[in-house]
All heavy atoms as atom14 arrays in JSON, in Angstrom:
{
  "sequence": "LWKDRNIRLASYATLLSQVEEVLPILIGLLLFLKTGTELSLGAYQ",
  "atom14_mask": [
    [1, 1, 1, 1, 1, 1, 1, 1, 0, 0, 0, 0, 0, 0],
    [1, 1, 1, 1, 1, 1, 1, 1, 1, 1, 1, 1, 1, 1],
    [1, 1, 1, 1, 1, 1, 1, 1, 1, 0, 0, 0, 0, 0],
    [1, 1, 1, 1, 1, 1, 1, 1, 0, 0, 0, 0, 0, 0],
    [1, 1, 1, 1, 1, 1, 1, 1, 1, 1, 1, 0, 0, 0],
    [1, 1, 1, 1, 1, 1, 1, 1, 0, 0, 0, 0, 0, 0],
    [1, 1, 1, 1, 1, 1, 1, 1, 0, 0, 0, 0, 0, 0],
    [1, 1, 1, 1, 1, 1, 1, 1, 1, 1, 1, 0, 0, 0],
    [1, 1, 1, 1, 1, 1, 1, 1, 0, 0, 0, 0, 0, 0],
    [1, 1, 1, 1, 1, 0, 0, 0, 0, 0, 0, 0, 0, 0],
    [1, 1, 1, 1, 1, 1, 0, 0, 0, 0, 0, 0, 0, 0],
    [1, 1, 1, 1, 1, 1, 1, 1, 1, 1, 1, 1, 0, 0],
    [1, 1, 1, 1, 1, 0, 0, 0, 0, 0, 0, 0, 0, 0],
    [1, 1, 1, 1, 1, 1, 1, 0, 0, 0, 0, 0, 0, 0],
    [1, 1, 1, 1, 1, 1, 1, 1, 0, 0, 0, 0, 0, 0],
    [1, 1, 1, 1, 1, 1, 1, 1, 0, 0, 0, 0, 0, 0],
    [1, 1, 1, 1, 1, 1, 0, 0, 0, 0, 0, 0, 0, 0],
    [1, 1, 1, 1, 1, 1, 1, 1, 1, 0, 0, 0, 0, 0],
    [1, 1, 1, 1, 1, 1, 1, 0, 0, 0, 0, 0, 0, 0],
    [1, 1, 1, 1, 1, 1, 1, 1, 1, 0, 0, 0, 0, 0],
    [1, 1, 1, 1, 1, 1, 1, 1, 1, 0, 0, 0, 0, 0],
    [1, 1, 1, 1, 1, 1, 1, 0, 0, 0, 0, 0, 0, 0],
    [1, 1, 1, 1, 1, 1, 1, 1, 0, 0, 0, 0, 0, 0],
    [1, 1, 1, 1, 1, 1, 1, 0, 0, 0, 0, 0, 0, 0],
    [1, 1, 1, 1, 1, 1, 1, 1, 0, 0, 0, 0, 0, 0],
    [1, 1, 1, 1, 1, 1, 1, 1, 0, 0, 0, 0, 0, 0],
    [1, 1, 1, 1, 1, 1, 1, 1, 0, 0, 0, 0, 0, 0],
    [1, 1, 1, 1, 0, 0, 0, 0, 0, 0, 0, 0, 0, 0],
    [1, 1, 1, 1, 1, 1, 1, 1, 0, 0, 0, 0, 0, 0],
    [1, 1, 1, 1, 1, 1, 1, 1, 0, 0, 0, 0, 0, 0],
    [1, 1, 1, 1, 1, 1, 1, 1, 0, 0, 0, 0, 0, 0],
    [1, 1, 1, 1, 1, 1, 1, 1, 1, 1, 1, 0, 0, 0],
    [1, 1, 1, 1, 1, 1, 1, 1, 0, 0, 0, 0, 0, 0],
    [1, 1, 1, 1, 1, 1, 1, 1, 1, 0, 0, 0, 0, 0],
    [1, 1, 1, 1, 1, 1, 1, 0, 0, 0, 0, 0, 0, 0],
    [1, 1, 1, 1, 0, 0, 0, 0, 0, 0, 0, 0, 0, 0],
    [1, 1, 1, 1, 1, 1, 1, 0, 0, 0, 0, 0, 0, 0],
    [1, 1, 1, 1, 1, 1, 1, 1, 1, 0, 0, 0, 0, 0],
    [1, 1, 1, 1, 1, 1, 1, 1, 0, 0, 0, 0, 0, 0],
    [1, 1, 1, 1, 1, 1, 0, 0, 0, 0, 0, 0, 0, 0],
    [1, 1, 1, 1, 1, 1, 1, 1, 0, 0, 0, 0, 0, 0],
    [1, 1, 1, 1, 0, 0, 0, 0, 0, 0, 0, 0, 0, 0],
    [1, 1, 1, 1, 1, 0, 0, 0, 0, 0, 0, 0, 0, 0],
    [1, 1, 1, 1, 1, 1, 1, 1, 1, 1, 1, 1, 0, 0],
    [1, 1, 1, 1, 1, 1, 1, 1, 1, 0, 0, 0, 0, 0]
  ],
  "atom14_positions": [
    [[-4.09, -0.22, -28.21], [-4.73, -0.89, -27.08], [-5.63, 0.06, -26.3], [-6.66, -0.36, -25.76], [-3.67, -1.48, -26.14], [-2.86, -2.68, -26.64], [-1.81, -3.07, -25.62], [-3.77, -3.86, -26.92], [0.0, 0.0, 0.0], [0.0, 0.0, 0.0], [0.0, 0.0, 0.0], [0.0, 0.0, 0.0], [0.0, 0.0, 0.0], [0.0, 0.0, 0.0]],
    [[-5.26, 1.32, -26.24], [-5.98, 2.28, -25.42], [-7.42, 2.51, -25.91], [-8.27, 3.01, -25.16], [-5.22, 3.61, -25.38], [-5.65, 4.5, -24.25], [-6.39, 5.63, -24.33], [-5.35, 4.32, -22.86], [-6.58, 6.18, -23.09], [-5.95, 5.39, -22.17], [-4.64, 3.36, -22.15], [-5.85, 5.53, -20.77], [-4.54, 3.5, -20.76], [-5.14, 4.56, -20.1]],
    [[-7.71, 2.12, -27.14], [-9.07, 2.26, -27.66], [-10.03, 1.26, -27.02], [-11.25, 1.41, -27.11], [-9.07, 2.07, -29.18], [-8.26, 3.13, -29.91], [-8.21, 2.85, -31.41], [-7.36, 3.89, -32.13], [-7.27, 3.61, -33.6], [0.0, 0.0, 0.0], [0.0, 0.0, 0.0], [0.0, 0.0, 0.0], [0.0, 0.0, 0.0], [0.0, 0.0, 0.0]],
    [[-9.49, 0.23, -26.37], [-10.31, -0.8, -25.74], [-10.68, -0.35, -24.32], [-9.82, -0.03, -23.5], [-9.54, -2.11, -25.69], [-10.41, -3.28, -25.27], [-11.08, -3.18, -24.22], [-10.42, -4.31, -25.97], [0.0, 0.0, 0.0], [0.0, 0.0, 0.0], [0.0, 0.0, 0.0], [0.0, 0.0, 0.0], [0.0, 0.0, 0.0], [0.0, 0.0, 0.0]],
    [[-11.97, -0.33, -24.03], [-12.46, 0.13, -22.72], [-11.87, -0.7, -21.58], [-11.51, -0.16, -20.52], [-13.99, 0.05, -22.69], [-14.64, 0.42, -21.36], [-16.15, 0.38, -21.47], [-16.8, 0.68, -20.2], [-17.11, -0.24, -19.31], [-16.82, -1.53, -19.54], [-17.71, 0.1, -18.17], [0.0, 0.0, 0.0], [0.0, 0.0, 0.0], [0.0, 0.0, 0.0]],
    [[-11.8, -2.02, -21.75], [-11.27, -2.87, -20.69], [-9.82, -2.53, -20.37], [-9.4, -2.54, -19.21], [-11.36, -4.35, -21.09], [-12.77, -4.89, -20.99], [-13.59, -4.37, -20.24], [-13.06, -5.94, -21.76], [0.0, 0.0, 0.0], [0.0, 0.0, 0.0], [0.0, 0.0, 0.0], [0.0, 0.0, 0.0], [0.0, 0.0, 0.0], [0.0, 0.0, 0.0]],
    [[-9.04, -2.22, -21.4], [-7.63, -1.87, -21.2], [-7.52, -0.58, -20.4], [-6.71, -0.46, -19.47], [-6.9, -1.71, -22.55], [-6.94, -3.02, -23.37], [-5.48, -1.23, -22.35], [-6.13, -4.14, -22.79], [0.0, 0.0, 0.0], [0.0, 0.0, 0.0], [0.0, 0.0, 0.0], [0.0, 0.0, 0.0], [0.0, 0.0, 0.0], [0.0, 0.0, 0.0]],
    [[-8.34, 0.4, -20.76], [-8.32, 1.67, -20.02], [-8.72, 1.47, -18.56], [-8.09, 2.02, -17.65], [-9.26, 2.68, -20.69], [-8.83, 3.09, -22.1], [-9.55, 4.36, -22.54], [-11.0, 4.24, -22.52], [-11.73, 3.77, -23.51], [-11.12, 3.38, -24.65], [-13.04, 3.7, -23.43], [0.0, 0.0, 0.0], [0.0, 0.0, 0.0], [0.0, 0.0, 0.0]],
    [[-9.77, 0.67, -18.33], [-10.21, 0.42, -16.96], [-9.12, -0.26, -16.14], [-8.89, 0.08, -14.98], [-11.48, -0.44, -16.97], [-12.76, 0.23, -17.46], [-13.89, -0.8, -17.57], [-13.17, 1.36, -16.52], [0.0, 0.0, 0.0], [0.0, 0.0, 0.0], [0.0, 0.0, 0.0], [0.0, 0.0, 0.0], [0.0, 0.0, 0.0], [0.0, 0.0, 0.0]],
    [[-8.44, -1.23, -16.76], [-7.36, -1.94, -16.05], [-6.25, -0.97, -15.67], [-5.68, -1.06, -14.57], [-6.82, -3.06, -16.93], [0.0, 0.0, 0.0], [0.0, 0.0, 0.0], [0.0, 0.0, 0.0], [0.0, 0.0, 0.0], [0.0, 0.0, 0.0], [0.0, 0.0, 0.0], [0.0, 0.0, 0.0], [0.0, 0.0, 0.0], [0.0, 0.0, 0.0]],
    [[-5.94, -0.03, -16.55], [-4.88, 0.95, -16.28], [-5.29, 1.91, -15.16], [-4.5, 2.19, -14.24], [-4.56, 1.74, -17.55], [-4.14, 0.88, -18.6], [0.0, 0.0, 0.0], [0.0, 0.0, 0.0], [0.0, 0.0, 0.0], [0.0, 0.0, 0.0], [0.0, 0.0, 0.0], [0.0, 0.0, 0.0], [0.0, 0.0, 0.0], [0.0, 0.0, 0.0]],
    [[-6.53, 2.42, -15.23], [-7.0, 3.34, -14.18], [-7.02, 2.63, -12.82], [-6.61, 3.2, -11.81], [-8.41, 3.84, -14.51], [-8.53, 4.63, -15.79], [-9.7, 4.58, -16.56], [-7.49, 5.44, -16.24], [-9.82, 5.31, -17.73], [-7.6, 6.17, -17.42], [-8.78, 6.1, -18.16], [-8.88, 6.81, -19.32], [0.0, 0.0, 0.0], [0.0, 0.0, 0.0]],
    [[-7.51, 1.4, -12.8], [-7.61, 0.66, -11.54], [-6.23, 0.4, -10.95], [-6.03, 0.49, -9.73], [-8.34, -0.67, -11.78], [0.0, 0.0, 0.0], [0.0, 0.0, 0.0], [0.0, 0.0, 0.0], [0.0, 0.0, 0.0], [0.0, 0.0, 0.0], [0.0, 0.0, 0.0], [0.0, 0.0, 0.0], [0.0, 0.0, 0.0], [0.0, 0.0, 0.0]],
    [[-5.26, 0.09, -11.81], [-3.89, -0.15, -11.33], [-3.32, 1.11, -10.71], [-2.68, 1.08, -9.65], [-3.0, -0.62, -12.49], [-3.52, -1.85, -13.02], [-1.57, -0.84, -12.04], [0.0, 0.0, 0.0], [0.0, 0.0, 0.0], [0.0, 0.0, 0.0], [0.0, 0.0, 0.0], [0.0, 0.0, 0.0], [0.0, 0.0, 0.0], [0.0, 0.0, 0.0]],
    [[-3.53, 2.25, -11.37], [-3.03, 3.53, -10.86], [-3.62, 3.81, -9.47], [-2.89, 4.14, -8.52], [-3.39, 4.65, -11.82], [-3.0, 6.07, -11.38], [-1.48, 6.24, -11.46], [-3.69, 7.12, -12.26], [0.0, 0.0, 0.0], [0.0, 0.0, 0.0], [0.0, 0.0, 0.0], [0.0, 0.0, 0.0], [0.0, 0.0, 0.0], [0.0, 0.0, 0.0]],
    [[-4.93, 3.68, -9.33], [-5.6, 3.97, -8.06], [-5.15, 3.03, -6.94], [-4.93, 3.46, -5.81], [-7.12, 3.87, -8.24], [-7.78, 4.96, -9.08], [-9.21, 4.58, -9.41], [-7.74, 6.3, -8.35], [0.0, 0.0, 0.0], [0.0, 0.0, 0.0], [0.0, 0.0, 0.0], [0.0, 0.0, 0.0], [0.0, 0.0, 0.0], [0.0, 0.0, 0.0]],
    [[-4.97, 1.77, -7.27], [-4.63, 0.79, -6.24], [-3.24, 1.01, -5.67], [-2.99, 0.71, -4.49], [-4.74, -0.63, -6.8], [-3.72, -0.89, -7.75], [0.0, 0.0, 0.0], [0.0, 0.0, 0.0], [0.0, 0.0, 0.0], [0.0, 0.0, 0.0], [0.0, 0.0, 0.0], [0.0, 0.0, 0.0], [0.0, 0.0, 0.0], [0.0, 0.0, 0.0]],
    [[-2.32, 1.52, -6.49], [-0.94, 1.64, -6.04], [-0.68, 2.83, -5.13], [0.36, 2.9, -4.47], [0.0, 1.7, -7.25], [0.07, 0.41, -8.03], [0.36, -0.78, -7.13], [1.35, -0.8, -6.4], [-0.51, -1.78, -7.16], [0.0, 0.0, 0.0], [0.0, 0.0, 0.0], [0.0, 0.0, 0.0], [0.0, 0.0, 0.0], [0.0, 0.0, 0.0]],
    [[-1.64, 3.75, -5.04], [-1.51, 4.85, -4.08], [-1.44, 4.28, -2.67], [-0.77, 4.82, -1.78], [-2.69, 5.83, -4.22], [-2.65, 6.9, -3.13], [-2.66, 6.49, -5.6], [0.0, 0.0, 0.0], [0.0, 0.0, 0.0], [0.0, 0.0, 0.0], [0.0, 0.0, 0.0], [0.0, 0.0, 0.0], [0.0, 0.0, 0.0], [0.0, 0.0, 0.0]],
    [[-2.08, 3.13, -2.47], [-2.12, 2.49, -1.15], [-0.78, 1.85, -0.77], [-0.61, 1.37, 0.35], [-3.22, 1.41, -1.14], [-3.62, 0.97, 0.25], [-4.56, -0.23, 0.24], [-4.53, -1.01, -0.73], [-5.31, -0.39, 1.21], [0.0, 0.0, 0.0], [0.0, 0.0, 0.0], [0.0, 0.0, 0.0], [0.0, 0.0, 0.0], [0.0, 0.0, 0.0]],
    [[0.19, 1.87, -1.67], [1.48, 1.26, -1.38], [2.24, 1.97, -0.26], [3.21, 1.43, 0.27], [2.35, 1.23, -2.65], [2.0, 0.12, -3.61], [2.23, -1.26, -3.0], [3.38, -1.57, -2.63], [1.26, -2.02, -2.87], [0.0, 0.0, 0.0], [0.0, 0.0, 0.0], [0.0, 0.0, 0.0], [0.0, 0.0, 0.0], [0.0, 0.0, 0.0]],
    [[1.82, 3.19, 0.08], [2.46, 3.87, 1.21], [2.01, 3.26, 2.53], [2.6, 3.52, 3.59], [2.14, 5.39, 1.23], [2.64, 6.04, -0.03], [0.64, 5.64, 1.41], [0.0, 0.0, 0.0], [0.0, 0.0, 0.0], [0.0, 0.0, 0.0], [0.0, 0.0, 0.0], [0.0, 0.0, 0.0], [0.0, 0.0, 0.0], [0.0, 0.0, 0.0]],
    [[0.97, 2.42, 2.49], [0.36, 1.9, 3.71], [1.34, 1.11, 4.58], [1.39, 1.34, 5.8], [-0.85, 1.03, 3.33], [-2.01, 0.96, 4.34], [-3.29, 0.65, 3.6], [-1.77, -0.06, 5.41], [0.0, 0.0, 0.0], [0.0, 0.0, 0.0], [0.0, 0.0, 0.0], [0.0, 0.0, 0.0], [0.0, 0.0, 0.0], [0.0, 0.0, 0.0]],
    [[2.12, 0.16, 4.03], [3.06, -0.57, 4.9], [4.05, 0.34, 5.62], [4.4, 0.09, 6.78], [3.78, -1.51, 3.91], [2.83, -1.68, 2.78], [2.14, -0.36, 2.65], [0.0, 0.0, 0.0], [0.0, 0.0, 0.0], [0.0, 0.0, 0.0], [0.0, 0.0, 0.0], [0.0, 0.0, 0.0], [0.0, 0.0, 0.0], [0.0, 0.0, 0.0]],
    [[4.49, 1.4, 4.95], [5.41, 2.34, 5.59], [4.73, 3.03, 6.77], [5.29, 3.14, 7.87], [5.9, 3.4, 4.58], [6.7, 2.74, 3.46], [6.74, 4.47, 5.27], [7.07, 3.7, 2.35], [0.0, 0.0, 0.0], [0.0, 0.0, 0.0], [0.0, 0.0, 0.0], [0.0, 0.0, 0.0], [0.0, 0.0, 0.0], [0.0, 0.0, 0.0]],
    [[3.49, 3.47, 6.54], [2.76, 4.18, 7.59], [2.43, 3.27, 8.77], [2.57, 3.67, 9.93], [1.47, 4.78, 7.01], [1.67, 5.87, 5.95], [0.34, 6.28, 5.35], [2.36, 7.08, 6.57], [0.0, 0.0, 0.0], [0.0, 0.0, 0.0], [0.0, 0.0, 0.0], [0.0, 0.0, 0.0], [0.0, 0.0, 0.0], [0.0, 0.0, 0.0]],
    [[2.0, 2.04, 8.47], [1.71, 1.09, 9.55], [2.97, 0.78, 10.34], [2.96, 0.72, 11.58], [1.11, -0.22, 8.97], [-0.32, 0.02, 8.47], [1.11, -1.32, 10.03], [-1.32, 0.31, 9.58], [0.0, 0.0, 0.0], [0.0, 0.0, 0.0], [0.0, 0.0, 0.0], [0.0, 0.0, 0.0], [0.0, 0.0, 0.0], [0.0, 0.0, 0.0]],
    [[4.07, 0.58, 9.61], [5.34, 0.32, 10.29], [5.75, 1.46, 11.21], [6.17, 1.24, 12.35], [0.0, 0.0, 0.0], [0.0, 0.0, 0.0], [0.0, 0.0, 0.0], [0.0, 0.0, 0.0], [0.0, 0.0, 0.0], [0.0, 0.0, 0.0], [0.0, 0.0, 0.0], [0.0, 0.0, 0.0], [0.0, 0.0, 0.0], [0.0, 0.0, 0.0]],
    [[5.61, 2.7, 10.72], [5.95, 3.85, 11.55], [5.02, 3.97, 12.75], [5.45, 4.27, 13.87], [5.88, 5.13, 10.71], [7.07, 5.43, 9.8], [6.8, 6.69, 8.98], [8.35, 5.59, 10.61], [0.0, 0.0, 0.0], [0.0, 0.0, 0.0], [0.0, 0.0, 0.0], [0.0, 0.0, 0.0], [0.0, 0.0, 0.0], [0.0, 0.0, 0.0]],
    [[3.72, 3.71, 12.52], [2.75, 3.8, 13.6], [3.06, 2.79, 14.7], [3.03, 3.1, 15.89], [1.34, 3.57, 13.04], [0.15, 4.08, 13.86], [0.33, 5.55, 14.2], [-1.14, 3.87, 13.08], [0.0, 0.0, 0.0], [0.0, 0.0, 0.0], [0.0, 0.0, 0.0], [0.0, 0.0, 0.0], [0.0, 0.0, 0.0], [0.0, 0.0, 0.0]],
    [[3.38, 1.57, 14.29], [3.74, 0.53, 15.26], [5.01, 0.91, 16.02], [5.1, 0.74, 17.25], [3.95, -0.81, 14.55], [2.67, -1.52, 14.06], [3.03, -2.59, 13.04], [1.92, -2.13, 15.23], [0.0, 0.0, 0.0], [0.0, 0.0, 0.0], [0.0, 0.0, 0.0], [0.0, 0.0, 0.0], [0.0, 0.0, 0.0], [0.0, 0.0, 0.0]],
    [[5.98, 1.43, 15.29], [7.25, 1.79, 15.92], [7.06, 2.97, 16.88], [7.64, 2.99, 17.97], [8.28, 2.15, 14.84], [9.65, 2.4, 15.4], [10.42, 1.35, 15.87], [10.17, 3.68, 15.44], [11.7, 1.58, 16.38], [11.43, 3.91, 15.94], [12.2, 2.86, 16.42], [0.0, 0.0, 0.0], [0.0, 0.0, 0.0], [0.0, 0.0, 0.0]],
    [[6.23, 3.94, 16.49], [5.97, 5.08, 17.36], [5.26, 4.67, 18.64], [5.5, 5.23, 19.71], [5.14, 6.14, 16.62], [5.84, 6.91, 15.5], [4.83, 7.73, 14.71], [6.93, 7.81, 16.07], [0.0, 0.0, 0.0], [0.0, 0.0, 0.0], [0.0, 0.0, 0.0], [0.0, 0.0, 0.0], [0.0, 0.0, 0.0], [0.0, 0.0, 0.0]],
    [[4.39, 3.67, 18.55], [3.62, 3.24, 19.71], [4.44, 2.39, 20.67], [4.18, 2.38, 21.87], [2.37, 2.46, 19.26], [1.3, 3.32, 18.63], [0.8, 4.36, 19.64], [-0.14, 5.36, 19.02], [-0.56, 6.4, 19.98], [0.0, 0.0, 0.0], [0.0, 0.0, 0.0], [0.0, 0.0, 0.0], [0.0, 0.0, 0.0], [0.0, 0.0, 0.0]],
    [[5.38, 1.65, 20.16], [6.1, 0.68, 21.0], [7.58, 0.99, 21.15], [8.2, 0.55, 22.13], [5.95, -0.74, 20.43], [6.58, -0.81, 19.14], [4.49, -1.12, 20.29], [0.0, 0.0, 0.0], [0.0, 0.0, 0.0], [0.0, 0.0, 0.0], [0.0, 0.0, 0.0], [0.0, 0.0, 0.0], [0.0, 0.0, 0.0], [0.0, 0.0, 0.0]],
    [[8.16, 1.69, 20.17], [9.58, 2.0, 20.22], [10.5, 0.82, 19.93], [11.69, 0.9, 20.15], [0.0, 0.0, 0.0], [0.0, 0.0, 0.0], [0.0, 0.0, 0.0], [0.0, 0.0, 0.0], [0.0, 0.0, 0.0], [0.0, 0.0, 0.0], [0.0, 0.0, 0.0], [0.0, 0.0, 0.0], [0.0, 0.0, 0.0], [0.0, 0.0, 0.0]],
    [[9.94, -0.27, 19.4], [10.76, -1.43, 19.11], [10.35, -2.07, 17.79], [9.15, -2.13, 17.47], [10.67, -2.5, 20.23], [11.37, -3.68, 19.82], [9.24, -2.84, 20.54], [0.0, 0.0, 0.0], [0.0, 0.0, 0.0], [0.0, 0.0, 0.0], [0.0, 0.0, 0.0], [0.0, 0.0, 0.0], [0.0, 0.0, 0.0], [0.0, 0.0, 0.0]],
    [[11.34, -2.56, 17.05], [11.07, -3.23, 15.77], [10.33, -4.55, 15.97], [9.68, -5.05, 15.05], [12.38, -3.5, 15.02], [13.06, -2.27, 14.45], [13.98, -1.6, 15.44], [13.95, -1.98, 16.64], [14.73, -0.69, 15.03], [0.0, 0.0, 0.0], [0.0, 0.0, 0.0], [0.0, 0.0, 0.0], [0.0, 0.0, 0.0], [0.0, 0.0, 0.0]],
    [[10.41, -5.1, 17.18], [9.76, -6.39, 17.43], [8.25, -6.3, 17.26], [7.59, -7.26, 16.86], [10.09, -6.88, 18.84], [9.81, -8.35, 19.16], [10.55, -9.26, 18.2], [10.16, -8.67, 20.61], [0.0, 0.0, 0.0], [0.0, 0.0, 0.0], [0.0, 0.0, 0.0], [0.0, 0.0, 0.0], [0.0, 0.0, 0.0], [0.0, 0.0, 0.0]],
    [[7.67, -5.14, 17.52], [6.23, -4.97, 17.37], [5.82, -5.1, 15.9], [4.72, -5.57, 15.59], [5.79, -3.6, 17.9], [6.37, -2.56, 17.14], [0.0, 0.0, 0.0], [0.0, 0.0, 0.0], [0.0, 0.0, 0.0], [0.0, 0.0, 0.0], [0.0, 0.0, 0.0], [0.0, 0.0, 0.0], [0.0, 0.0, 0.0], [0.0, 0.0, 0.0]],
    [[6.71, -4.71, 14.97], [6.42, -4.83, 13.55], [6.33, -6.3, 13.16], [5.4, -6.72, 12.46], [7.5, -4.15, 12.7], [7.44, -2.63, 12.55], [7.7, -1.91, 13.87], [8.45, -2.17, 11.51], [0.0, 0.0, 0.0], [0.0, 0.0, 0.0], [0.0, 0.0, 0.0], [0.0, 0.0, 0.0], [0.0, 0.0, 0.0], [0.0, 0.0, 0.0]],
    [[7.3, -7.09, 13.63], [7.28, -8.52, 13.33], [6.1, -9.22, 13.96], [5.47, -10.09, 13.35], [0.0, 0.0, 0.0], [0.0, 0.0, 0.0], [0.0, 0.0, 0.0], [0.0, 0.0, 0.0], [0.0, 0.0, 0.0], [0.0, 0.0, 0.0], [0.0, 0.0, 0.0], [0.0, 0.0, 0.0], [0.0, 0.0, 0.0], [0.0, 0.0, 0.0]],
    [[5.78, -8.84, 15.21], [4.65, -9.47, 15.91], [3.34, -9.17, 15.2], [2.47, -10.04, 15.07], [4.6, -8.98, 17.35], [0.0, 0.0, 0.0], [0.0, 0.0, 0.0], [0.0, 0.0, 0.0], [0.0, 0.0, 0.0], [0.0, 0.0, 0.0], [0.0, 0.0, 0.0], [0.0, 0.0, 0.0], [0.0, 0.0, 0.0], [0.0, 0.0, 0.0]],
    [[3.2, -7.94, 14.71], [1.99, -7.55, 13.97], [1.82, -8.43, 12.73], [0.74, -8.96, 12.46], [2.12, -6.08, 13.57], [1.08, -5.6, 12.58], [-0.15, -5.13, 13.03], [1.33, -5.59, 11.21], [-1.11, -4.67, 12.14], [0.39, -5.14, 10.3], [-0.83, -4.68, 10.77], [-1.77, -4.23, 9.89], [0.0, 0.0, 0.0], [0.0, 0.0, 0.0]],
    [[2.9, -8.61, 11.99], [2.85, -9.44, 10.8], [2.53, -10.89, 11.15], [1.75, -11.55, 10.46], [4.19, -9.37, 10.06], [4.53, -8.01, 9.5], [3.65, -7.62, 8.34], [2.55, -7.12, 8.53], [4.1, -7.85, 7.13], [0.0, 0.0, 0.0], [0.0, 0.0, 0.0], [0.0, 0.0, 0.0], [0.0, 0.0, 0.0], [0.0, 0.0, 0.0]]
  ]
}
């Protein structure tokens, strides 16, 4: 499968996109640091 350009592109794109998975953790911490309450996390969502 790796000989197919589309397959390689799909794999590279998946790898790059998942680095952003730390984002919810960081946003959650940022909200908690600013307000000191878990309620701000729920309100944001």
